Amino acid sequence: MTPDQVAKLPPPAARQIFFSEDVRPILQNSCLKCHGRGKSKGGFSIESRETFLKGGDTGSALVPGRSEESLVIELVMGFDPDSVMPKKGSKLKSEQIAVLRAWIDQGTKWDDGVTFGKLPPLNLKPASPALPTGVDAFA
């Protein structure tokens, strides 16, 4: 981003950011359709912290601790109308960008066990019916 673009960024949220409470809903509502659950448009996946940090075809998505140098912030700000994210749906509000900035600046913490990976099919899990026990069960 240019210095003029950095000056136009909303300031990072001035509070502690919690991934599951603050960041996860933003990613679910705005990024998941194209970058999660087995999809990785532009080579970018948000399925895990590792894939998020890895970035996509255009390089690293973010620099932990440096939101003003993070591509994901540039894209959600929409400085380039041809590559604004998300492509479909509502654009992020300033408050949401402020949360993402604070999350990045605070080290990009990601709660254990949280994934936006492909969900396993529910119909392939074997059922374990309760079996009768004891001698009276066969009477």
C-alpha atoms as a PDB file:
ATOM      1  CA  MET A   1       0.000   0.000   0.000  1.00  0.00           C
ATOM      2  CA  THR A   2       1.083   3.529  -0.647  1.00  0.00           C
ATOM      3  CA  PRO A   3       1.436   5.986   2.254  1.00  0.00           C
ATOM      4  CA  ASP A   4      -1.779   7.707   1.096  1.00  0.00           C
ATOM      5  CA  GLN A   5      -3.628   4.381   1.204  1.00  0.00           C
ATOM      6  CA  VAL A   6      -2.269   3.565   4.665  1.00  0.00           C
ATOM      7  CA  ALA A   7      -3.524   6.955   5.852  1.00  0.00           C
ATOM      8  CA  LYS A   8      -7.050   6.013   4.653  1.00  0.00           C
ATOM      9  CA  LEU A   9      -7.164   2.767   6.669  1.00  0.00           C
ATOM     10  CA  PRO A  10      -9.496   2.654   9.636  1.00  0.00           C
ATOM     11  CA  PRO A  11      -7.407   2.426  12.804  1.00  0.00           C
ATOM     12  CA  PRO A  12      -7.086  -1.018  14.380  1.00  0.00           C
ATOM     13  CA  ALA A  13      -9.734  -1.787  16.992  1.00  0.00           C
ATOM     14  CA  ALA A  14      -8.472  -0.517  20.346  1.00  0.00           C
ATOM     15  CA  ARG A  15      -9.265  -3.672  22.307  1.00  0.00           C
ATOM     16  CA  GLN A  16      -8.174  -7.271  22.665  1.00  0.00           C
ATOM     17  CA  ILE A  17      -9.425  -9.303  19.690  1.00  0.00           C
ATOM     18  CA  PHE A  18     -10.605 -12.881  20.163  1.00  0.00           C
ATOM     19  CA  PHE A  19     -10.540 -15.097  17.096  1.00  0.00           C
ATOM     20  CA  SER A  20     -13.727 -17.104  17.684  1.00  0.00           C
ATOM     21  CA  GLU A  21     -15.773 -14.116  18.826  1.00  0.00           C
ATOM     22  CA  ASP A  22     -14.477 -11.370  16.554  1.00  0.00           C
ATOM     23  CA  VAL A  23     -12.631 -12.710  13.503  1.00  0.00           C
ATOM     24  CA  ARG A  24     -14.316 -16.028  12.815  1.00  0.00           C
ATOM     25  CA  PRO A  25     -17.731 -14.467  12.017  1.00  0.00           C
ATOM     26  CA  ILE A  26     -16.124 -12.061   9.529  1.00  0.00           C
ATOM     27  CA  LEU A  27     -14.291 -14.884   7.765  1.00  0.00           C
ATOM     28  CA  GLN A  28     -17.393 -17.105   7.755  1.00  0.00           C
ATOM     29  CA  ASN A  29     -19.663 -14.439   6.319  1.00  0.00           C
ATOM     30  CA  SER A  30     -17.304 -12.817   3.832  1.00  0.00           C
ATOM     31  CA  CYS A  31     -14.539 -15.241   2.832  1.00  0.00           C
ATOM     32  CA  LEU A  32     -15.710 -18.828   3.293  1.00  0.00           C
ATOM     33  CA  LYS A  33     -17.647 -19.203   0.029  1.00  0.00           C
ATOM     34  CA  CYS A  34     -14.546 -18.718  -2.114  1.00  0.00           C
ATOM     35  CA  HIS A  35     -11.629 -19.528   0.202  1.00  0.00           C
ATOM     36  CA  GLY A  36     -12.823 -22.310   2.513  1.00  0.00           C
ATOM     37  CA  ARG A  37     -14.542 -25.717   2.619  1.00  0.00           C
ATOM     38  CA  GLY A  38     -12.291 -27.097  -0.108  1.00  0.00           C
ATOM     39  CA  LYS A  39     -12.269 -23.962  -2.271  1.00  0.00           C
ATOM     40  CA  SER A  40      -9.206 -21.816  -2.763  1.00  0.00           C
ATOM     41  CA  LYS A  41      -9.842 -19.155  -5.405  1.00  0.00           C
ATOM     42  CA  GLY A  42      -6.610 -17.510  -6.410  1.00  0.00           C
ATOM     43  CA  GLY A  43      -4.776 -20.268  -4.563  1.00  0.00           C
ATOM     44  CA  PHE A  44      -5.822 -18.702  -1.234  1.00  0.00           C
ATOM     45  CA  SER A  45      -7.422 -20.807   1.499  1.00  0.00           C
ATOM     46  CA  ILE A  46      -8.620 -19.819   4.970  1.00  0.00           C
ATOM     47  CA  GLU A  47      -9.096 -23.434   6.070  1.00  0.00           C
ATOM     48  CA  SER A  48      -6.454 -23.088   8.786  1.00  0.00           C
ATOM     49  CA  ARG A  49      -4.094 -20.489  10.205  1.00  0.00           C
ATOM     50  CA  GLU A  50      -1.274 -22.101   8.236  1.00  0.00           C
ATOM     51  CA  THR A  51      -3.064 -21.837   4.887  1.00  0.00           C
ATOM     52  CA  PHE A  52      -4.191 -18.301   5.700  1.00  0.00           C
ATOM     53  CA  LEU A  53      -0.623 -17.219   6.458  1.00  0.00           C
ATOM     54  CA  LYS A  54       0.706 -18.996   3.371  1.00  0.00           C
ATOM     55  CA  GLY A  55      -1.375 -16.797   1.092  1.00  0.00           C
ATOM     56  CA  GLY A  56      -2.233 -17.491  -2.509  1.00  0.00           C
ATOM     57  CA  ASP A  57      -1.157 -16.871  -6.068  1.00  0.00           C
ATOM     58  CA  THR A  58      -0.304 -13.226  -5.335  1.00  0.00           C
ATOM     59  CA  GLY A  59       1.857 -14.060  -2.329  1.00  0.00           C
ATOM     60  CA  SER A  60       1.497 -13.802   1.419  1.00  0.00           C
ATOM     61  CA  ALA A  61      -1.911 -12.645   2.645  1.00  0.00           C
ATOM     62  CA  LEU A  62      -0.626 -10.937   5.749  1.00  0.00           C
ATOM     63  CA  VAL A  63       2.337 -10.011   7.863  1.00  0.00           C
ATOM     64  CA  PRO A  64       1.633 -10.891  11.519  1.00  0.00           C
ATOM     65  CA  GLY A  65       1.999  -7.744  13.603  1.00  0.00           C
ATOM     66  CA  ARG A  66       1.898  -5.467  10.534  1.00  0.00           C
ATOM     67  CA  SER A  67      -1.648  -4.951   9.252  1.00  0.00           C
ATOM     68  CA  GLU A  68      -0.617  -1.912   7.208  1.00  0.00           C
ATOM     69  CA  GLU A  69       1.670  -4.210   5.190  1.00  0.00           C
ATOM     70  CA  SER A  70      -0.894  -7.002   4.785  1.00  0.00           C
ATOM     71  CA  LEU A  71      -2.412  -7.735   1.385  1.00  0.00           C
ATOM     72  CA  VAL A  72      -5.673  -8.933   2.900  1.00  0.00           C
ATOM     73  CA  ILE A  73      -6.276  -5.460   4.382  1.00  0.00           C
ATOM     74  CA  GLU A  74      -5.481  -3.805   1.058  1.00  0.00           C
ATOM     75  CA  LEU A  75      -7.959  -6.107  -0.696  1.00  0.00           C
ATOM     76  CA  VAL A  76     -10.834  -5.667   1.760  1.00  0.00           C
ATOM     77  CA  MET A  77     -10.304  -1.886   1.671  1.00  0.00           C
ATOM     78  CA  GLY A  78     -10.932  -1.989  -2.082  1.00  0.00           C
ATOM     79  CA  PHE A  79      -8.156   0.368  -3.120  1.00  0.00           C
ATOM     80  CA  ASP A  80      -8.076  -1.476  -6.462  1.00  0.00           C
ATOM     81  CA  PRO A  81     -11.704  -1.844  -7.622  1.00  0.00           C
ATOM     82  CA  ASP A  82     -10.707  -4.778  -9.847  1.00  0.00           C
ATOM     83  CA  SER A  83      -9.455  -6.856  -6.924  1.00  0.00           C
ATOM     84  CA  VAL A  84     -11.636  -5.791  -3.995  1.00  0.00           C
ATOM     85  CA  MET A  85     -12.634  -8.585  -1.608  1.00  0.00           C
ATOM     86  CA  PRO A  86     -15.074 -10.089  -1.201  1.00  0.00           C
ATOM     87  CA  LYS A  87     -15.910 -10.205  -4.897  1.00  0.00           C
ATOM     88  CA  LYS A  88     -19.514 -11.163  -4.157  1.00  0.00           C
ATOM     89  CA  GLY A  89     -21.723  -9.988  -1.361  1.00  0.00           C
ATOM     90  CA  SER A  90     -21.389  -7.057   0.988  1.00  0.00           C
ATOM     91  CA  LYS A  91     -18.096  -5.266   1.329  1.00  0.00           C
ATOM     92  CA  LEU A  92     -16.576  -5.163   4.802  1.00  0.00           C
ATOM     93  CA  LYS A  93     -17.494  -2.262   7.042  1.00  0.00           C
ATOM     94  CA  SER A  94     -14.831  -0.053   8.606  1.00  0.00           C
ATOM     95  CA  GLU A  95     -15.458  -1.696  11.987  1.00  0.00           C
ATOM     96  CA  GLN A  96     -14.787  -5.147  10.513  1.00  0.00           C
ATOM     97  CA  ILE A  97     -11.580  -3.960   8.863  1.00  0.00           C
ATOM     98  CA  ALA A  98     -10.553  -2.415  12.200  1.00  0.00           C
ATOM     99  CA  VAL A  99     -11.072  -5.826  13.858  1.00  0.00           C
ATOM    100  CA  LEU A 100      -9.000  -7.587  11.182  1.00  0.00           C
ATOM    101  CA  ARG A 101      -6.250  -4.991  11.540  1.00  0.00           C
ATOM    102  CA  ALA A 102      -6.160  -5.423  15.319  1.00  0.00           C
ATOM    103  CA  TRP A 103      -6.157  -9.231  14.933  1.00  0.00           C
ATOM    104  CA  ILE A 104      -3.174  -9.049  12.597  1.00  0.00           C
ATOM    105  CA  ASP A 105      -1.385  -6.493  14.776  1.00  0.00           C
ATOM    106  CA  GLN A 106      -1.978  -8.663  17.856  1.00  0.00           C
ATOM    107  CA  GLY A 107      -0.219 -11.641  16.266  1.00  0.00           C
ATOM    108  CA  THR A 108      -2.950 -13.368  14.230  1.00  0.00           C
ATOM    109  CA  LYS A 109      -3.950 -15.792  16.991  1.00  0.00           C
ATOM    110  CA  TRP A 110      -6.185 -18.663  15.865  1.00  0.00           C
ATOM    111  CA  ASP A 111      -8.090 -20.857  18.329  1.00  0.00           C
ATOM    112  CA  ASP A 112      -7.088 -24.518  18.448  1.00  0.00           C
ATOM    113  CA  GLY A 113      -9.451 -26.830  16.622  1.00  0.00           C
ATOM    114  CA  VAL A 114     -11.041 -24.100  14.499  1.00  0.00           C
ATOM    115  CA  THR A 115     -11.101 -24.972  10.827  1.00  0.00           C
ATOM    116  CA  PHE A 116     -12.911 -23.797   7.756  1.00  0.00           C
ATOM    117  CA  GLY A 117     -12.008 -27.052   6.001  1.00  0.00           C
ATOM    118  CA  LYS A 118     -14.322 -29.282   4.058  1.00  0.00           C
ATOM    119  CA  LEU A 119     -16.930 -30.828   6.308  1.00  0.00           C
ATOM    120  CA  PRO A 120     -17.173 -34.626   6.338  1.00  0.00           C
ATOM    121  CA  PRO A 121     -20.397 -36.026   4.867  1.00  0.00           C
ATOM    122  CA  LEU A 122     -22.852 -36.712   7.667  1.00  0.00           C
ATOM    123  CA  ASN A 123     -24.298 -39.802   6.001  1.00  0.00           C
ATOM    124  CA  LEU A 124     -21.006 -41.725   6.080  1.00  0.00           C
ATOM    125  CA  LYS A 125     -20.708 -42.021   9.849  1.00  0.00           C
ATOM    126  CA  PRO A 126     -21.642 -45.490  11.065  1.00  0.00           C
ATOM    127  CA  ALA A 127     -24.519 -45.672  13.501  1.00  0.00           C
ATOM    128  CA  SER A 128     -24.028 -47.496  16.779  1.00  0.00           C
ATOM    129  CA  PRO A 129     -27.466 -48.587  17.990  1.00  0.00           C
ATOM    130  CA  ALA A 130     -27.932 -49.398  21.649  1.00  0.00           C
ATOM    131  CA  LEU A 131     -27.979 -53.164  22.108  1.00  0.00           C
ATOM    132  CA  PRO A 132     -29.977 -54.889  24.817  1.00  0.00           C
ATOM    133  CA  THR A 133     -27.961 -56.242  27.703  1.00  0.00           C
ATOM    134  CA  GLY A 134     -28.431 -59.140  30.090  1.00  0.00           C
ATOM    135  CA  VAL A 135     -30.276 -62.454  29.880  1.00  0.00           C
ATOM    136  CA  ASP A 136     -33.752 -60.897  29.926  1.00  0.00           C
ATOM    137  CA  ALA A 137     -32.980 -59.097  26.690  1.00  0.00           C
ATOM    138  CA  PHE A 138     -33.445 -62.323  24.690  1.00  0.00           C
ATOM    139  CA  ALA A 139     -36.661 -63.466  26.338  1.00  0.00           C
END
